[in-house]
Amino acid sequence: LWDLDSGREVRRLEGHSGTVYALALSTDGKRLLSGSLDGTARLWDMETGSETALFDSRSGPIYAVAFAADGTVLTGGYDRTIRDWPAGGGDGVVLFAGAPE
């Protein structure tokens, strides 16, 4: 994470083993959601920099992440699915599955 005014690194969030493709900041600014080539999305505490939840798609890279109004986490990935995950981690529910090629 970088301070935009000073241009300095404030905190490094470590956990993904692949390129991070997507980020979303919660409306209160307290949580950051990241999605990666490694097939996981991770929820981070912005104050401490600690990872608070892990969401594993088990089916390829995650290219899009978002916070839903009800506090759950949404991901979109290479497997052509949109999943809804409980904010504390656990298994995601497929909300949409795209047509096969």
N, C-alpha and C. Protein backbone atom coordinates (compact mmCIF):
# COMPACT_ATOMS: atom_id res chain seq x y z
N LEU A 1 0.85 -1.17 0.00
CA LEU A 1 0.00 0.00 0.00
C LEU A 1 0.89 1.23 0.00
N TRP A 2 0.46 2.24 -0.72
CA TRP A 2 1.27 3.44 -0.89
C TRP A 2 0.52 4.67 -0.38
N ASP A 3 1.25 5.57 0.22
CA ASP A 3 0.71 6.87 0.61
C ASP A 3 0.78 7.75 -0.63
N LEU A 4 -0.36 8.21 -1.10
CA LEU A 4 -0.38 8.98 -2.35
C LEU A 4 0.28 10.34 -2.21
N ASP A 5 0.24 10.92 -1.02
CA ASP A 5 0.86 12.24 -0.84
C ASP A 5 2.38 12.16 -0.86
N SER A 6 2.94 11.20 -0.15
CA SER A 6 4.40 11.10 -0.05
C SER A 6 5.01 10.19 -1.12
N GLY A 7 4.19 9.30 -1.69
CA GLY A 7 4.71 8.35 -2.66
C GLY A 7 5.48 7.20 -2.02
N ARG A 8 5.35 7.06 -0.71
CA ARG A 8 6.09 6.03 0.01
C ARG A 8 5.22 4.81 0.30
N GLU A 9 5.90 3.67 0.34
CA GLU A 9 5.20 2.44 0.72
C GLU A 9 4.87 2.50 2.21
N VAL A 10 3.61 2.23 2.53
CA VAL A 10 3.15 2.24 3.92
C VAL A 10 3.13 0.82 4.49
N ARG A 11 2.68 -0.11 3.69
CA ARG A 11 2.52 -1.49 4.16
C ARG A 11 2.55 -2.43 2.96
N ARG A 12 3.12 -3.59 3.19
CA ARG A 12 3.15 -4.62 2.15
C ARG A 12 2.24 -5.76 2.60
N LEU A 13 1.28 -6.10 1.76
CA LEU A 13 0.36 -7.20 2.05
C LEU A 13 0.88 -8.44 1.35
N GLU A 14 1.24 -9.45 2.12
CA GLU A 14 1.82 -10.65 1.54
C GLU A 14 0.92 -11.84 1.76
N GLY A 15 0.72 -12.62 0.72
CA GLY A 15 -0.11 -13.81 0.82
C GLY A 15 -0.35 -14.46 -0.52
N HIS A 16 -0.60 -13.67 -1.56
CA HIS A 16 -0.84 -14.23 -2.89
C HIS A 16 0.46 -14.78 -3.47
N SER A 17 0.34 -15.87 -4.22
CA SER A 17 1.52 -16.43 -4.88
C SER A 17 1.53 -16.10 -6.37
N GLY A 18 0.58 -15.30 -6.82
CA GLY A 18 0.52 -14.89 -8.22
C GLY A 18 0.16 -13.42 -8.33
N THR A 19 0.17 -12.92 -9.55
CA THR A 19 -0.17 -11.53 -9.82
C THR A 19 -1.56 -11.19 -9.30
N VAL A 20 -1.69 -10.02 -8.69
CA VAL A 20 -3.00 -9.55 -8.23
C VAL A 20 -3.64 -8.79 -9.38
N TYR A 21 -4.85 -9.22 -9.79
CA TYR A 21 -5.56 -8.62 -10.91
C TYR A 21 -6.67 -7.66 -10.49
N ALA A 22 -7.17 -7.80 -9.27
CA ALA A 22 -8.33 -6.99 -8.88
C ALA A 22 -8.25 -6.60 -7.41
N LEU A 23 -8.72 -5.37 -7.13
CA LEU A 23 -8.79 -4.86 -5.76
C LEU A 23 -10.13 -4.16 -5.56
N ALA A 24 -10.64 -4.24 -4.34
CA ALA A 24 -11.85 -3.49 -3.97
C ALA A 24 -11.68 -3.04 -2.52
N LEU A 25 -12.00 -1.80 -2.26
CA LEU A 25 -11.94 -1.24 -0.91
C LEU A 25 -13.36 -1.14 -0.38
N SER A 26 -13.56 -1.58 0.86
CA SER A 26 -14.90 -1.50 1.46
C SER A 26 -15.31 -0.04 1.60
N THR A 27 -16.60 0.21 1.67
CA THR A 27 -17.10 1.59 1.74
C THR A 27 -16.63 2.32 2.99
N ASP A 28 -16.35 1.59 4.07
CA ASP A 28 -15.85 2.23 5.29
C ASP A 28 -14.33 2.37 5.29
N GLY A 29 -13.67 1.85 4.27
CA GLY A 29 -12.22 1.95 4.15
C GLY A 29 -11.44 1.05 5.08
N LYS A 30 -12.11 0.13 5.75
CA LYS A 30 -11.44 -0.71 6.74
C LYS A 30 -10.96 -2.05 6.19
N ARG A 31 -11.49 -2.46 5.04
CA ARG A 31 -11.13 -3.76 4.46
C ARG A 31 -10.76 -3.60 2.99
N LEU A 32 -9.80 -4.40 2.58
CA LEU A 32 -9.39 -4.45 1.18
C LEU A 32 -9.55 -5.89 0.71
N LEU A 33 -10.10 -6.05 -0.47
CA LEU A 33 -10.30 -7.37 -1.07
C LEU A 33 -9.41 -7.46 -2.30
N SER A 34 -8.67 -8.56 -2.44
CA SER A 34 -7.79 -8.74 -3.59
C SER A 34 -8.09 -10.06 -4.28
N GLY A 35 -7.95 -10.08 -5.60
CA GLY A 35 -8.15 -11.29 -6.40
C GLY A 35 -6.92 -11.54 -7.25
N SER A 36 -6.53 -12.80 -7.40
CA SER A 36 -5.23 -13.09 -7.97
C SER A 36 -5.21 -14.24 -8.98
N LEU A 37 -4.12 -14.26 -9.73
CA LEU A 37 -3.81 -15.34 -10.66
C LEU A 37 -3.72 -16.68 -9.92
N ASP A 38 -3.40 -16.65 -8.63
CA ASP A 38 -3.25 -17.90 -7.87
C ASP A 38 -4.59 -18.57 -7.54
N GLY A 39 -5.71 -17.97 -7.99
CA GLY A 39 -7.03 -18.57 -7.78
C GLY A 39 -7.66 -18.26 -6.45
N THR A 40 -7.07 -17.31 -5.72
CA THR A 40 -7.64 -16.94 -4.43
C THR A 40 -8.02 -15.47 -4.40
N ALA A 41 -8.97 -15.19 -3.54
CA ALA A 41 -9.27 -13.81 -3.14
C ALA A 41 -8.95 -13.75 -1.66
N ARG A 42 -8.47 -12.61 -1.21
CA ARG A 42 -8.10 -12.45 0.19
C ARG A 42 -8.67 -11.15 0.72
N LEU A 43 -9.10 -11.21 1.96
CA LEU A 43 -9.64 -10.05 2.65
C LEU A 43 -8.60 -9.58 3.65
N TRP A 44 -8.32 -8.26 3.62
CA TRP A 44 -7.26 -7.68 4.44
C TRP A 44 -7.83 -6.61 5.37
N ASP A 45 -7.28 -6.55 6.57
CA ASP A 45 -7.59 -5.48 7.52
C ASP A 45 -6.67 -4.31 7.18
N MET A 46 -7.22 -3.16 6.83
CA MET A 46 -6.40 -2.03 6.40
C MET A 46 -5.59 -1.40 7.53
N GLU A 47 -6.03 -1.54 8.77
CA GLU A 47 -5.28 -0.97 9.90
C GLU A 47 -4.04 -1.79 10.21
N THR A 48 -4.20 -3.11 10.24
CA THR A 48 -3.10 -3.98 10.65
C THR A 48 -2.34 -4.60 9.49
N GLY A 49 -2.97 -4.67 8.32
CA GLY A 49 -2.36 -5.32 7.17
C GLY A 49 -2.48 -6.84 7.22
N SER A 50 -3.22 -7.35 8.19
CA SER A 50 -3.35 -8.81 8.31
C SER A 50 -4.46 -9.34 7.41
N GLU A 51 -4.25 -10.57 6.96
CA GLU A 51 -5.26 -11.26 6.16
C GLU A 51 -6.33 -11.79 7.12
N THR A 52 -7.58 -11.47 6.84
CA THR A 52 -8.66 -11.90 7.74
C THR A 52 -9.51 -13.02 7.16
N ALA A 53 -9.44 -13.25 5.86
CA ALA A 53 -10.20 -14.35 5.24
C ALA A 53 -9.57 -14.72 3.91
N LEU A 54 -9.72 -15.98 3.55
CA LEU A 54 -9.21 -16.52 2.29
C LEU A 54 -10.37 -17.19 1.56
N PHE A 55 -10.48 -16.91 0.26
CA PHE A 55 -11.52 -17.49 -0.59
C PHE A 55 -10.81 -18.19 -1.75
N ASP A 56 -10.90 -19.51 -1.81
CA ASP A 56 -10.16 -20.29 -2.80
C ASP A 56 -11.11 -20.82 -3.86
N SER A 57 -10.97 -20.33 -5.08
CA SER A 57 -11.86 -20.75 -6.17
C SER A 57 -11.60 -22.18 -6.61
N ARG A 58 -10.37 -22.65 -6.42
CA ARG A 58 -9.96 -24.00 -6.84
C ARG A 58 -10.17 -24.25 -8.33
N SER A 59 -10.40 -23.20 -9.09
CA SER A 59 -10.68 -23.42 -10.52
C SER A 59 -10.09 -22.34 -11.43
N GLY A 60 -9.02 -21.72 -11.00
CA GLY A 60 -8.35 -20.76 -11.86
C GLY A 60 -8.34 -19.35 -11.32
N PRO A 61 -7.69 -18.46 -12.04
CA PRO A 61 -7.50 -17.07 -11.60
C PRO A 61 -8.81 -16.34 -11.30
N ILE A 62 -8.71 -15.40 -10.39
CA ILE A 62 -9.82 -14.50 -10.08
C ILE A 62 -9.48 -13.14 -10.67
N TYR A 63 -10.36 -12.65 -11.55
CA TYR A 63 -10.12 -11.41 -12.27
C TYR A 63 -10.94 -10.22 -11.77
N ALA A 64 -11.97 -10.47 -10.96
CA ALA A 64 -12.82 -9.38 -10.48
C ALA A 64 -13.25 -9.67 -9.05
N VAL A 65 -13.29 -8.62 -8.22
CA VAL A 65 -13.74 -8.74 -6.83
C VAL A 65 -14.60 -7.54 -6.49
N ALA A 66 -15.54 -7.75 -5.55
CA ALA A 66 -16.41 -6.65 -5.11
C ALA A 66 -17.00 -7.01 -3.76
N PHE A 67 -17.42 -5.98 -3.04
CA PHE A 67 -18.18 -6.17 -1.81
C PHE A 67 -19.66 -6.03 -2.15
N ALA A 68 -20.48 -6.98 -1.71
CA ALA A 68 -21.93 -6.89 -1.88
C ALA A 68 -22.51 -6.04 -0.76
N ALA A 69 -23.70 -5.51 -0.97
CA ALA A 69 -24.35 -4.64 0.01
C ALA A 69 -24.59 -5.36 1.34
N ASP A 70 -24.76 -6.68 1.30
CA ASP A 70 -25.02 -7.42 2.54
C ASP A 70 -23.76 -7.84 3.28
N GLY A 71 -22.59 -7.39 2.80
CA GLY A 71 -21.33 -7.69 3.47
C GLY A 71 -20.60 -8.90 2.95
N THR A 72 -21.23 -9.66 2.04
CA THR A 72 -20.54 -10.80 1.47
C THR A 72 -19.56 -10.33 0.40
N VAL A 73 -18.75 -11.26 -0.06
CA VAL A 73 -17.71 -10.98 -1.04
C VAL A 73 -18.11 -11.63 -2.36
N LEU A 74 -17.90 -10.91 -3.47
CA LEU A 74 -18.19 -11.44 -4.80
C LEU A 74 -16.89 -11.57 -5.58
N THR A 75 -16.76 -12.67 -6.32
CA THR A 75 -15.60 -12.85 -7.19
C THR A 75 -16.06 -13.30 -8.57
N GLY A 76 -15.28 -12.94 -9.57
CA GLY A 76 -15.48 -13.40 -10.93
C GLY A 76 -14.17 -13.94 -11.44
N GLY A 77 -14.21 -15.10 -12.09
CA GLY A 77 -12.95 -15.71 -12.46
C GLY A 77 -12.89 -16.33 -13.82
N TYR A 78 -11.74 -16.92 -14.07
CA TYR A 78 -11.42 -17.58 -15.33
C TYR A 78 -12.42 -18.69 -15.65
N ASP A 79 -12.97 -19.30 -14.61
CA ASP A 79 -13.91 -20.40 -14.80
C ASP A 79 -15.30 -19.93 -15.23
N ARG A 80 -15.44 -18.64 -15.51
CA ARG A 80 -16.69 -18.03 -15.98
C ARG A 80 -17.81 -18.09 -14.95
N THR A 81 -17.43 -18.01 -13.68
CA THR A 81 -18.44 -17.98 -12.63
C THR A 81 -18.36 -16.68 -11.85
N ILE A 82 -19.48 -16.30 -11.28
CA ILE A 82 -19.53 -15.26 -10.27
C ILE A 82 -19.96 -15.97 -9.00
N ARG A 83 -19.16 -15.80 -7.95
CA ARG A 83 -19.43 -16.48 -6.68
C ARG A 83 -19.68 -15.47 -5.57
N ASP A 84 -20.52 -15.87 -4.65
CA ASP A 84 -20.84 -15.10 -3.45
C ASP A 84 -20.26 -15.88 -2.26
N TRP A 85 -19.39 -15.22 -1.50
CA TRP A 85 -18.68 -15.87 -0.39
C TRP A 85 -19.07 -15.21 0.93
N PRO A 86 -19.18 -16.01 2.02
CA PRO A 86 -19.38 -15.39 3.33
C PRO A 86 -18.13 -14.57 3.68
N ALA A 87 -18.29 -13.40 4.27
CA ALA A 87 -17.17 -12.50 4.53
C ALA A 87 -16.10 -13.10 5.43
N GLY A 88 -16.45 -14.08 6.22
CA GLY A 88 -15.47 -14.71 7.11
C GLY A 88 -14.70 -15.84 6.48
N GLY A 89 -14.96 -16.15 5.22
CA GLY A 89 -14.32 -17.26 4.54
C GLY A 89 -15.29 -18.42 4.40
N GLY A 90 -14.82 -19.51 3.83
CA GLY A 90 -15.68 -20.67 3.62
C GLY A 90 -15.96 -20.86 2.14
N ASP A 91 -16.92 -21.71 1.84
CA ASP A 91 -17.24 -22.03 0.45
C ASP A 91 -18.13 -20.98 -0.19
N GLY A 92 -17.85 -20.69 -1.45
CA GLY A 92 -18.65 -19.74 -2.20
C GLY A 92 -19.82 -20.42 -2.90
N VAL A 93 -20.85 -19.66 -3.14
CA VAL A 93 -22.03 -20.14 -3.86
C VAL A 93 -21.97 -19.56 -5.27
N VAL A 94 -22.09 -20.40 -6.28
CA VAL A 94 -22.07 -19.93 -7.67
C VAL A 94 -23.39 -19.24 -7.97
N LEU A 95 -23.31 -17.94 -8.28
CA LEU A 95 -24.49 -17.16 -8.64
C LEU A 95 -24.75 -17.19 -10.13
N PHE A 96 -23.66 -17.32 -10.90
CA PHE A 96 -23.77 -17.29 -12.36
C PHE A 96 -22.65 -18.16 -12.92
N ALA A 97 -22.97 -18.97 -13.90
CA ALA A 97 -21.98 -19.77 -14.60
C ALA A 97 -22.15 -19.52 -16.09
N GLY A 98 -21.07 -19.08 -16.73
CA GLY A 98 -21.12 -18.79 -18.16
C GLY A 98 -21.19 -20.05 -18.99
N ALA A 99 -21.58 -19.87 -20.24
CA ALA A 99 -21.68 -21.00 -21.17
C ALA A 99 -20.29 -21.53 -21.50
N PRO A 100 -20.15 -22.83 -21.69
CA PRO A 100 -18.85 -23.39 -22.08
C PRO A 100 -18.48 -22.92 -23.49
N GLU A 101 -17.20 -22.96 -23.77
CA GLU A 101 -16.73 -22.54 -25.10
C GLU A 101 -17.16 -23.49 -26.17
